[in-house]
């Protein structure tokens, strides 16, 4: 196999590392083709860090445009740490929340939509202690610089 091809494959593998730290979400089916999606930034929040959550309510036709009334409860160790009643019309509910302890949290939603009551399965999120060691970030930065330098040399050789 050509040396340049091998180096290119290795470089691409290292470039995929940031994607593994990207944000994401989870979808729960509430019933009757109604779903709720939770998107969160960051995907795994840290203690005392503000987390942004976006709940999308919809069906197979897209986001709901009808009125949705409901209640949200965040539980930690079987105790409620946050409750909120909500009323939305555009299918989007946003929330910013700061978690005070590490561990697993459950988010429960109960809502009424088109004269029906829905209670999808709870969302489970993990909150971690704040990472104190910045060595990992520095190593990734150095590796990225080295990969860039190697790729620049390879490009100039051609």
Foldseek 3Di string as FASTA:
>chain_A
DDPVVVLVVVLVVLVCVVVVQCWDWDKWDFDPQKIKIKTKVRQAAAAQDKIKIKIFIDGPVGGAQAKKWKKKFKDDPNHTPDIDTDIDRGRMDMDIDHHHDWDKIWMWMWMADPNDITTTGIDIHTYHHDDPDCVVVVVSVVVNVVSVVVVVVVVVVD
